[in-house]
């Protein structure tokens, strides 16, 4: 990992950290959440059955 003091940087502001790290949530994260939602919606019956089986196995 680079030592920032070697480059003359003492501290980073939160805005600078976001720019350095690529910003906030990102398009990939948004697409993954939307994809997971669509998957659960399309397979709702299997999802409910799996939750019931999982709950029954803990009883």
N, C-alpha and C. Protein backbone atom coordinates (compact mmCIF):
# COMPACT_ATOMS: atom_id res chain seq x y z
N UNK A 1 0.84 -1.16 0.00
CA UNK A 1 0.00 0.00 0.00
C UNK A 1 0.89 1.24 0.00
N UNK A 2 0.50 2.22 -0.75
CA UNK A 2 1.30 3.43 -0.89
C UNK A 2 1.23 4.27 0.38
N UNK A 3 2.34 4.85 0.76
CA UNK A 3 2.39 5.76 1.88
C UNK A 3 2.05 7.15 1.35
N UNK A 4 0.90 7.69 1.75
CA UNK A 4 0.45 8.96 1.21
C UNK A 4 1.36 10.12 1.57
N UNK A 5 2.04 10.02 2.70
CA UNK A 5 2.94 11.11 3.10
C UNK A 5 4.10 11.26 2.13
N UNK A 6 4.48 10.18 1.45
CA UNK A 6 5.53 10.27 0.44
C UNK A 6 5.12 11.16 -0.72
N UNK A 7 3.82 11.30 -0.94
CA UNK A 7 3.29 12.10 -2.04
C UNK A 7 2.82 13.47 -1.58
N UNK A 8 3.08 13.83 -0.33
CA UNK A 8 2.72 15.14 0.17
C UNK A 8 1.29 15.26 0.64
N UNK A 9 0.59 14.15 0.84
CA UNK A 9 -0.80 14.18 1.29
C UNK A 9 -0.81 13.92 2.80
N UNK A 10 -1.37 14.85 3.54
CA UNK A 10 -1.45 14.70 4.99
C UNK A 10 -2.76 14.01 5.38
N UNK A 11 -3.89 14.50 4.89
CA UNK A 11 -5.20 13.91 5.20
C UNK A 11 -6.05 13.94 3.94
N UNK A 12 -7.03 13.09 3.91
CA UNK A 12 -7.98 13.07 2.80
C UNK A 12 -9.36 13.47 3.32
N UNK A 13 -10.01 14.35 2.60
CA UNK A 13 -11.38 14.70 2.93
C UNK A 13 -12.29 13.59 2.42
N UNK A 14 -13.50 13.50 2.96
CA UNK A 14 -14.41 12.42 2.57
C UNK A 14 -14.74 12.46 1.08
N UNK A 15 -14.84 13.65 0.50
CA UNK A 15 -15.10 13.76 -0.94
C UNK A 15 -13.93 13.21 -1.74
N UNK A 16 -12.72 13.47 -1.28
CA UNK A 16 -11.54 12.95 -1.98
C UNK A 16 -11.46 11.44 -1.87
N UNK A 17 -11.86 10.89 -0.72
CA UNK A 17 -11.85 9.44 -0.54
C UNK A 17 -12.85 8.80 -1.50
N UNK A 18 -14.03 9.38 -1.63
CA UNK A 18 -15.03 8.84 -2.55
C UNK A 18 -14.53 8.87 -3.99
N UNK A 19 -13.87 9.95 -4.39
CA UNK A 19 -13.33 10.02 -5.74
C UNK A 19 -12.23 8.98 -5.94
N UNK A 20 -11.40 8.79 -4.93
CA UNK A 20 -10.30 7.84 -5.01
C UNK A 20 -10.81 6.40 -5.06
N UNK A 21 -11.83 6.11 -4.26
CA UNK A 21 -12.35 4.75 -4.17
C UNK A 21 -13.45 4.46 -5.18
N UNK A 22 -13.76 5.38 -6.04
CA UNK A 22 -14.72 5.11 -7.10
C UNK A 22 -16.13 5.57 -6.79
N UNK A 23 -16.32 6.36 -5.78
CA UNK A 23 -17.63 6.92 -5.51
C UNK A 23 -18.47 6.08 -4.60
N UNK A 24 -19.75 6.24 -4.72
CA UNK A 24 -20.72 5.63 -3.81
C UNK A 24 -21.08 4.21 -4.16
N UNK A 25 -22.37 3.98 -4.35
CA UNK A 25 -22.91 2.62 -4.44
C UNK A 25 -22.53 1.92 -5.74
N UNK A 26 -22.53 2.58 -6.85
CA UNK A 26 -22.08 2.00 -8.11
C UNK A 26 -23.18 1.31 -8.89
N UNK A 27 -23.03 1.28 -10.19
CA UNK A 27 -24.02 0.70 -11.08
C UNK A 27 -24.05 -0.82 -10.96
N UNK A 28 -22.91 -1.44 -10.68
CA UNK A 28 -22.88 -2.90 -10.53
C UNK A 28 -23.70 -3.37 -9.34
N UNK A 29 -23.62 -2.63 -8.24
CA UNK A 29 -24.40 -2.98 -7.06
C UNK A 29 -25.88 -2.82 -7.32
N UNK A 30 -26.26 -1.75 -7.99
CA UNK A 30 -27.67 -1.51 -8.32
C UNK A 30 -28.19 -2.63 -9.22
N UNK A 31 -27.43 -3.01 -10.22
CA UNK A 31 -27.87 -4.09 -11.12
C UNK A 31 -27.98 -5.42 -10.39
N UNK A 32 -27.07 -5.69 -9.45
CA UNK A 32 -27.13 -6.93 -8.68
C UNK A 32 -28.38 -6.98 -7.82
N UNK A 33 -28.74 -5.86 -7.19
CA UNK A 33 -29.94 -5.81 -6.35
C UNK A 33 -31.20 -5.99 -7.20
N UNK A 34 -31.24 -5.32 -8.35
CA UNK A 34 -32.39 -5.48 -9.25
C UNK A 34 -32.49 -6.91 -9.75
N UNK A 35 -31.36 -7.50 -10.11
CA UNK A 35 -31.36 -8.89 -10.58
C UNK A 35 -31.83 -9.87 -9.51
N UNK A 36 -31.40 -9.64 -8.27
CA UNK A 36 -31.85 -10.52 -7.17
C UNK A 36 -33.34 -10.37 -6.96
N UNK A 37 -33.85 -9.16 -7.05
CA UNK A 37 -35.29 -8.94 -6.89
C UNK A 37 -36.09 -9.64 -7.98
N UNK A 38 -35.64 -9.55 -9.21
CA UNK A 38 -36.32 -10.22 -10.33
C UNK A 38 -36.27 -11.74 -10.15
N UNK A 39 -35.13 -12.26 -9.71
CA UNK A 39 -34.99 -13.70 -9.51
C UNK A 39 -35.97 -14.20 -8.45
N UNK A 40 -36.06 -13.49 -7.32
CA UNK A 40 -36.98 -13.90 -6.26
C UNK A 40 -38.42 -13.79 -6.75
N UNK A 41 -38.75 -12.73 -7.48
CA UNK A 41 -40.11 -12.55 -8.00
C UNK A 41 -40.49 -13.70 -8.94
N UNK A 42 -39.59 -14.07 -9.83
CA UNK A 42 -39.88 -15.13 -10.81
C UNK A 42 -39.92 -16.52 -10.17
N UNK A 43 -39.25 -16.70 -9.06
CA UNK A 43 -39.19 -18.01 -8.41
C UNK A 43 -39.81 -17.95 -7.01
N UNK A 44 -40.87 -17.18 -6.85
CA UNK A 44 -41.46 -16.95 -5.54
C UNK A 44 -41.90 -18.25 -4.87
N UNK A 45 -42.53 -19.16 -5.62
CA UNK A 45 -43.00 -20.42 -5.04
C UNK A 45 -41.83 -21.22 -4.45
N UNK A 46 -40.76 -21.35 -5.20
CA UNK A 46 -39.59 -22.06 -4.70
C UNK A 46 -38.97 -21.35 -3.50
N UNK A 47 -38.98 -20.03 -3.53
CA UNK A 47 -38.43 -19.24 -2.43
C UNK A 47 -39.22 -19.50 -1.15
N UNK A 48 -40.54 -19.45 -1.23
CA UNK A 48 -41.40 -19.67 -0.06
C UNK A 48 -41.22 -21.09 0.46
N UNK A 49 -41.18 -22.06 -0.44
CA UNK A 49 -41.01 -23.45 -0.04
C UNK A 49 -39.67 -23.66 0.67
N UNK A 50 -38.63 -23.04 0.15
CA UNK A 50 -37.31 -23.15 0.76
C UNK A 50 -37.26 -22.52 2.14
N UNK A 51 -37.93 -21.38 2.32
CA UNK A 51 -37.98 -20.74 3.63
C UNK A 51 -38.73 -21.62 4.61
N UNK A 52 -39.83 -22.21 4.17
CA UNK A 52 -40.60 -23.10 5.06
C UNK A 52 -39.79 -24.32 5.46
N UNK A 53 -39.08 -24.92 4.50
CA UNK A 53 -38.24 -26.09 4.81
C UNK A 53 -37.11 -25.71 5.75
N UNK A 54 -36.51 -24.55 5.53
CA UNK A 54 -35.44 -24.10 6.40
C UNK A 54 -35.95 -23.86 7.83
N UNK A 55 -37.11 -23.25 7.95
CA UNK A 55 -37.69 -23.00 9.27
C UNK A 55 -38.06 -24.32 9.95
N UNK A 56 -38.64 -25.24 9.19
CA UNK A 56 -39.04 -26.53 9.75
C UNK A 56 -37.83 -27.32 10.23
N UNK A 57 -36.69 -27.16 9.57
CA UNK A 57 -35.51 -27.92 9.98
C UNK A 57 -34.91 -27.41 11.28
N UNK A 58 -35.28 -26.19 11.70
CA UNK A 58 -34.77 -25.66 12.97
C UNK A 58 -35.67 -26.00 14.14
N UNK A 59 -36.82 -26.53 13.86
CA UNK A 59 -37.77 -26.85 14.94
C UNK A 59 -37.53 -28.21 15.53
